[in-house]
Amino acid sequence: MAVDGAYKIEIDTPMGKQESKLTLKAAGVKLSGTMESSFGTKKFTGGTVKGNDVSWNMEITSPMGKMALVYKGKVAGNDISGEIKAGDFGTSPFKGKRV
């Protein structure tokens, strides 16, 4: 199953649910894409694809400063789900559907 595509995702954060648009593009085992959210649009490269498993890292600037985000997920059909480690704030689950 190809992971390429745009997904509408919902992240269950300590500050409440956050919606984002995630676009993924695989080239072999390499993954790149963009994330559009209330923090703006951020591009990422250097992610990985292994079967239906995806992972990537990003950095955002929030009112509390810069924060590293580590995403790990799985694509199943048109669904994507996983978790995000947000700096010292712990891990939050995310889920979404291809649009």
N, C-alpha and C. Protein backbone atom coordinates (compact mmCIF):
# COMPACT_ATOMS: atom_id res chain seq x y z
N MET A 1 0.85 -1.20 0.00
CA MET A 1 0.00 0.00 0.00
C MET A 1 0.88 1.24 0.00
N ALA A 2 0.66 2.10 -0.94
CA ALA A 2 1.43 3.34 -1.01
C ALA A 2 1.00 4.29 0.10
N VAL A 3 1.97 4.97 0.67
CA VAL A 3 1.67 5.93 1.74
C VAL A 3 1.45 7.33 1.19
N ASP A 4 1.79 7.53 -0.09
CA ASP A 4 1.68 8.86 -0.69
C ASP A 4 0.25 9.38 -0.59
N GLY A 5 0.14 10.69 -0.34
CA GLY A 5 -1.17 11.31 -0.35
C GLY A 5 -1.31 12.37 0.72
N ALA A 6 -2.48 12.97 0.74
CA ALA A 6 -2.83 13.99 1.72
C ALA A 6 -3.79 13.38 2.72
N TYR A 7 -3.58 13.70 3.99
CA TYR A 7 -4.40 13.18 5.07
C TYR A 7 -4.87 14.32 5.95
N LYS A 8 -6.10 14.25 6.41
CA LYS A 8 -6.59 15.16 7.43
C LYS A 8 -6.41 14.41 8.75
N ILE A 9 -5.57 14.94 9.64
CA ILE A 9 -5.30 14.23 10.88
C ILE A 9 -5.76 15.05 12.08
N GLU A 10 -6.01 14.34 13.17
CA GLU A 10 -6.38 14.94 14.44
C GLU A 10 -5.40 14.45 15.49
N ILE A 11 -4.79 15.39 16.21
CA ILE A 11 -3.81 15.07 17.23
C ILE A 11 -4.44 15.36 18.59
N ASP A 12 -4.41 14.39 19.47
CA ASP A 12 -4.99 14.54 20.81
C ASP A 12 -3.89 15.02 21.76
N THR A 13 -3.72 16.35 21.89
CA THR A 13 -2.63 16.92 22.68
C THR A 13 -3.11 17.29 24.08
N PRO A 14 -2.17 17.55 24.99
CA PRO A 14 -2.55 18.02 26.33
C PRO A 14 -3.33 19.33 26.29
N MET A 15 -3.19 20.10 25.20
CA MET A 15 -3.91 21.37 25.06
C MET A 15 -5.21 21.19 24.28
N GLY A 16 -5.64 19.96 24.05
CA GLY A 16 -6.86 19.69 23.31
C GLY A 16 -6.56 19.14 21.92
N LYS A 17 -7.61 18.86 21.18
CA LYS A 17 -7.46 18.28 19.84
C LYS A 17 -6.99 19.35 18.87
N GLN A 18 -6.01 18.97 18.05
CA GLN A 18 -5.48 19.85 17.02
C GLN A 18 -5.64 19.17 15.66
N GLU A 19 -6.15 19.91 14.68
CA GLU A 19 -6.30 19.36 13.33
C GLU A 19 -5.19 19.87 12.43
N SER A 20 -4.72 19.01 11.55
CA SER A 20 -3.66 19.35 10.60
C SER A 20 -3.91 18.64 9.28
N LYS A 21 -3.29 19.17 8.24
CA LYS A 21 -3.28 18.48 6.94
C LYS A 21 -1.85 17.99 6.74
N LEU A 22 -1.71 16.70 6.54
CA LEU A 22 -0.42 16.05 6.37
C LEU A 22 -0.33 15.54 4.93
N THR A 23 0.77 15.85 4.25
CA THR A 23 1.01 15.34 2.91
C THR A 23 2.30 14.52 2.94
N LEU A 24 2.22 13.27 2.49
CA LEU A 24 3.37 12.37 2.49
C LEU A 24 3.76 12.00 1.06
N LYS A 25 5.08 11.89 0.83
CA LYS A 25 5.61 11.49 -0.47
C LYS A 25 6.79 10.55 -0.23
N ALA A 26 6.63 9.30 -0.66
CA ALA A 26 7.70 8.30 -0.50
C ALA A 26 8.51 8.18 -1.78
N ALA A 27 9.81 7.95 -1.62
CA ALA A 27 10.71 7.64 -2.72
C ALA A 27 11.56 6.48 -2.23
N GLY A 28 11.09 5.26 -2.51
CA GLY A 28 11.75 4.08 -1.93
C GLY A 28 11.50 4.05 -0.44
N VAL A 29 12.56 4.04 0.34
CA VAL A 29 12.42 4.02 1.81
C VAL A 29 12.50 5.42 2.41
N LYS A 30 12.67 6.44 1.57
CA LYS A 30 12.77 7.83 2.06
C LYS A 30 11.39 8.49 2.03
N LEU A 31 11.13 9.32 3.03
CA LEU A 31 9.84 9.99 3.16
C LEU A 31 10.05 11.49 3.34
N SER A 32 9.24 12.27 2.63
CA SER A 32 9.22 13.72 2.79
C SER A 32 7.77 14.16 2.78
N GLY A 33 7.54 15.44 3.09
CA GLY A 33 6.18 15.93 3.07
C GLY A 33 6.03 17.28 3.72
N THR A 34 4.76 17.62 3.98
CA THR A 34 4.44 18.88 4.65
C THR A 34 3.35 18.65 5.68
N MET A 35 3.34 19.53 6.66
CA MET A 35 2.30 19.53 7.69
C MET A 35 1.77 20.95 7.77
N GLU A 36 0.45 21.11 7.55
CA GLU A 36 -0.20 22.41 7.66
C GLU A 36 -1.03 22.40 8.93
N SER A 37 -0.75 23.35 9.84
CA SER A 37 -1.48 23.42 11.11
C SER A 37 -1.57 24.87 11.56
N SER A 38 -2.06 25.06 12.78
CA SER A 38 -2.14 26.41 13.33
C SER A 38 -0.75 27.03 13.54
N PHE A 39 0.30 26.21 13.48
CA PHE A 39 1.68 26.70 13.59
C PHE A 39 2.26 27.06 12.23
N GLY A 40 1.45 26.98 11.16
CA GLY A 40 1.92 27.28 9.82
C GLY A 40 2.17 26.01 9.03
N THR A 41 2.81 26.16 7.89
CA THR A 41 3.15 25.02 7.03
C THR A 41 4.63 24.72 7.19
N LYS A 42 4.92 23.48 7.51
CA LYS A 42 6.31 23.04 7.71
C LYS A 42 6.59 21.88 6.77
N LYS A 43 7.73 21.95 6.10
CA LYS A 43 8.19 20.85 5.25
C LYS A 43 9.14 19.97 6.06
N PHE A 44 9.19 18.69 5.70
CA PHE A 44 10.17 17.81 6.31
C PHE A 44 10.75 16.88 5.27
N THR A 45 11.98 16.45 5.52
CA THR A 45 12.66 15.45 4.71
C THR A 45 13.36 14.51 5.70
N GLY A 46 13.93 13.45 5.20
CA GLY A 46 14.68 12.56 6.07
C GLY A 46 13.83 11.54 6.81
N GLY A 47 12.54 11.46 6.49
CA GLY A 47 11.69 10.45 7.09
C GLY A 47 11.94 9.09 6.46
N THR A 48 11.31 8.07 7.02
CA THR A 48 11.49 6.72 6.49
C THR A 48 10.15 6.02 6.30
N VAL A 49 10.16 5.08 5.36
CA VAL A 49 9.01 4.21 5.08
C VAL A 49 9.51 2.77 5.14
N LYS A 50 8.82 1.93 5.87
CA LYS A 50 9.13 0.50 5.90
C LYS A 50 7.79 -0.22 5.85
N GLY A 51 7.43 -0.70 4.65
CA GLY A 51 6.10 -1.28 4.47
C GLY A 51 5.06 -0.19 4.65
N ASN A 52 4.16 -0.37 5.60
CA ASN A 52 3.13 0.63 5.90
C ASN A 52 3.51 1.52 7.07
N ASP A 53 4.72 1.31 7.64
CA ASP A 53 5.18 2.11 8.77
C ASP A 53 5.90 3.34 8.26
N VAL A 54 5.60 4.50 8.87
CA VAL A 54 6.22 5.76 8.49
C VAL A 54 6.76 6.45 9.74
N SER A 55 7.82 7.21 9.56
CA SER A 55 8.35 8.02 10.67
C SER A 55 9.07 9.23 10.09
N TRP A 56 9.03 10.34 10.84
CA TRP A 56 9.72 11.55 10.44
C TRP A 56 9.85 12.47 11.65
N ASN A 57 10.73 13.44 11.52
CA ASN A 57 10.96 14.43 12.58
C ASN A 57 10.71 15.82 12.01
N MET A 58 10.24 16.71 12.89
CA MET A 58 10.02 18.11 12.53
C MET A 58 10.38 18.97 13.72
N GLU A 59 10.51 20.25 13.46
CA GLU A 59 10.67 21.21 14.54
C GLU A 59 9.68 22.34 14.31
N ILE A 60 8.98 22.72 15.37
CA ILE A 60 8.03 23.83 15.28
C ILE A 60 8.45 24.91 16.27
N THR A 61 7.96 26.11 16.01
CA THR A 61 8.15 27.21 16.94
C THR A 61 6.77 27.51 17.53
N SER A 62 6.67 27.34 18.83
CA SER A 62 5.40 27.58 19.53
C SER A 62 5.58 28.77 20.45
N PRO A 63 4.52 29.21 21.13
CA PRO A 63 4.67 30.30 22.10
C PRO A 63 5.70 29.99 23.19
N MET A 64 6.01 28.70 23.39
CA MET A 64 6.98 28.31 24.40
C MET A 64 8.38 28.10 23.82
N GLY A 65 8.57 28.43 22.55
CA GLY A 65 9.87 28.27 21.91
C GLY A 65 9.88 27.13 20.92
N LYS A 66 11.09 26.75 20.49
CA LYS A 66 11.23 25.66 19.52
C LYS A 66 11.02 24.32 20.20
N MET A 67 10.37 23.41 19.45
CA MET A 67 10.09 22.08 19.98
C MET A 67 10.31 21.04 18.89
N ALA A 68 11.04 19.98 19.24
CA ALA A 68 11.26 18.87 18.32
C ALA A 68 10.08 17.92 18.40
N LEU A 69 9.58 17.49 17.25
CA LEU A 69 8.48 16.53 17.17
C LEU A 69 8.98 15.28 16.45
N VAL A 70 8.68 14.12 17.02
CA VAL A 70 9.05 12.84 16.43
C VAL A 70 7.77 12.07 16.15
N TYR A 71 7.47 11.83 14.88
CA TYR A 71 6.25 11.15 14.45
C TYR A 71 6.56 9.70 14.11
N LYS A 72 5.69 8.79 14.55
CA LYS A 72 5.74 7.38 14.15
C LYS A 72 4.31 6.96 13.87
N GLY A 73 4.08 6.34 12.71
CA GLY A 73 2.72 5.96 12.37
C GLY A 73 2.65 4.78 11.42
N LYS A 74 1.41 4.43 11.10
CA LYS A 74 1.14 3.32 10.20
C LYS A 74 -0.02 3.71 9.30
N VAL A 75 0.14 3.39 8.01
CA VAL A 75 -0.93 3.63 7.03
C VAL A 75 -1.60 2.29 6.78
N ALA A 76 -2.94 2.28 6.87
CA ALA A 76 -3.73 1.08 6.60
C ALA A 76 -4.89 1.49 5.70
N GLY A 77 -4.77 1.20 4.41
CA GLY A 77 -5.79 1.65 3.45
C GLY A 77 -5.75 3.16 3.37
N ASN A 78 -6.87 3.81 3.68
CA ASN A 78 -6.95 5.27 3.67
C ASN A 78 -6.80 5.87 5.05
N ASP A 79 -6.48 5.05 6.04
CA ASP A 79 -6.33 5.52 7.42
C ASP A 79 -4.87 5.64 7.79
N ILE A 80 -4.56 6.60 8.65
CA ILE A 80 -3.22 6.73 9.23
C ILE A 80 -3.39 6.94 10.72
N SER A 81 -2.51 6.36 11.50
CA SER A 81 -2.55 6.55 12.96
C SER A 81 -1.15 6.37 13.51
N GLY A 82 -0.94 6.89 14.69
CA GLY A 82 0.36 6.77 15.32
C GLY A 82 0.47 7.67 16.52
N GLU A 83 1.71 8.09 16.80
CA GLU A 83 1.95 8.94 17.95
C GLU A 83 3.05 9.95 17.64
N ILE A 84 3.00 11.05 18.39
CA ILE A 84 3.97 12.13 18.25
C ILE A 84 4.60 12.37 19.60
N LYS A 85 5.92 12.33 19.65
CA LYS A 85 6.64 12.72 20.85
C LYS A 85 6.97 14.19 20.69
N ALA A 86 6.47 15.01 21.61
CA ALA A 86 6.61 16.45 21.52
C ALA A 86 7.55 16.96 22.61
N GLY A 87 8.83 16.94 22.33
CA GLY A 87 9.81 17.45 23.28
C GLY A 87 9.64 16.84 24.66
N ASP A 88 9.61 17.70 25.69
CA ASP A 88 9.43 17.26 27.07
C ASP A 88 7.96 17.10 27.46
N PHE A 89 7.05 17.28 26.49
CA PHE A 89 5.62 17.24 26.80
C PHE A 89 5.01 15.85 26.65
N GLY A 90 5.82 14.84 26.39
CA GLY A 90 5.30 13.48 26.29
C GLY A 90 4.81 13.14 24.90
N THR A 91 4.03 12.07 24.84
CA THR A 91 3.56 11.52 23.58
C THR A 91 2.07 11.72 23.43
N SER A 92 1.65 12.08 22.22
CA SER A 92 0.23 12.27 21.91
C SER A 92 -0.15 11.41 20.72
N PRO A 93 -1.32 10.76 20.76
CA PRO A 93 -1.76 9.97 19.62
C PRO A 93 -2.31 10.85 18.50
N PHE A 94 -2.21 10.35 17.26
CA PHE A 94 -2.87 11.02 16.14
C PHE A 94 -3.54 9.97 15.28
N LYS A 95 -4.57 10.40 14.55
CA LYS A 95 -5.27 9.53 13.60
C LYS A 95 -5.85 10.40 12.51
N GLY A 96 -6.09 9.79 11.35
CA GLY A 96 -6.66 10.56 10.27
C GLY A 96 -7.01 9.71 9.07
N LYS A 97 -7.53 10.39 8.05
CA LYS A 97 -7.96 9.73 6.82
C LYS A 97 -7.39 10.46 5.62
N ARG A 98 -7.13 9.69 4.57
CA ARG A 98 -6.68 10.25 3.29
C ARG A 98 -7.82 11.09 2.73
N VAL A 99 -7.47 12.25 2.16
CA VAL A 99 -8.49 13.13 1.57
C VAL A 99 -8.31 13.22 0.07
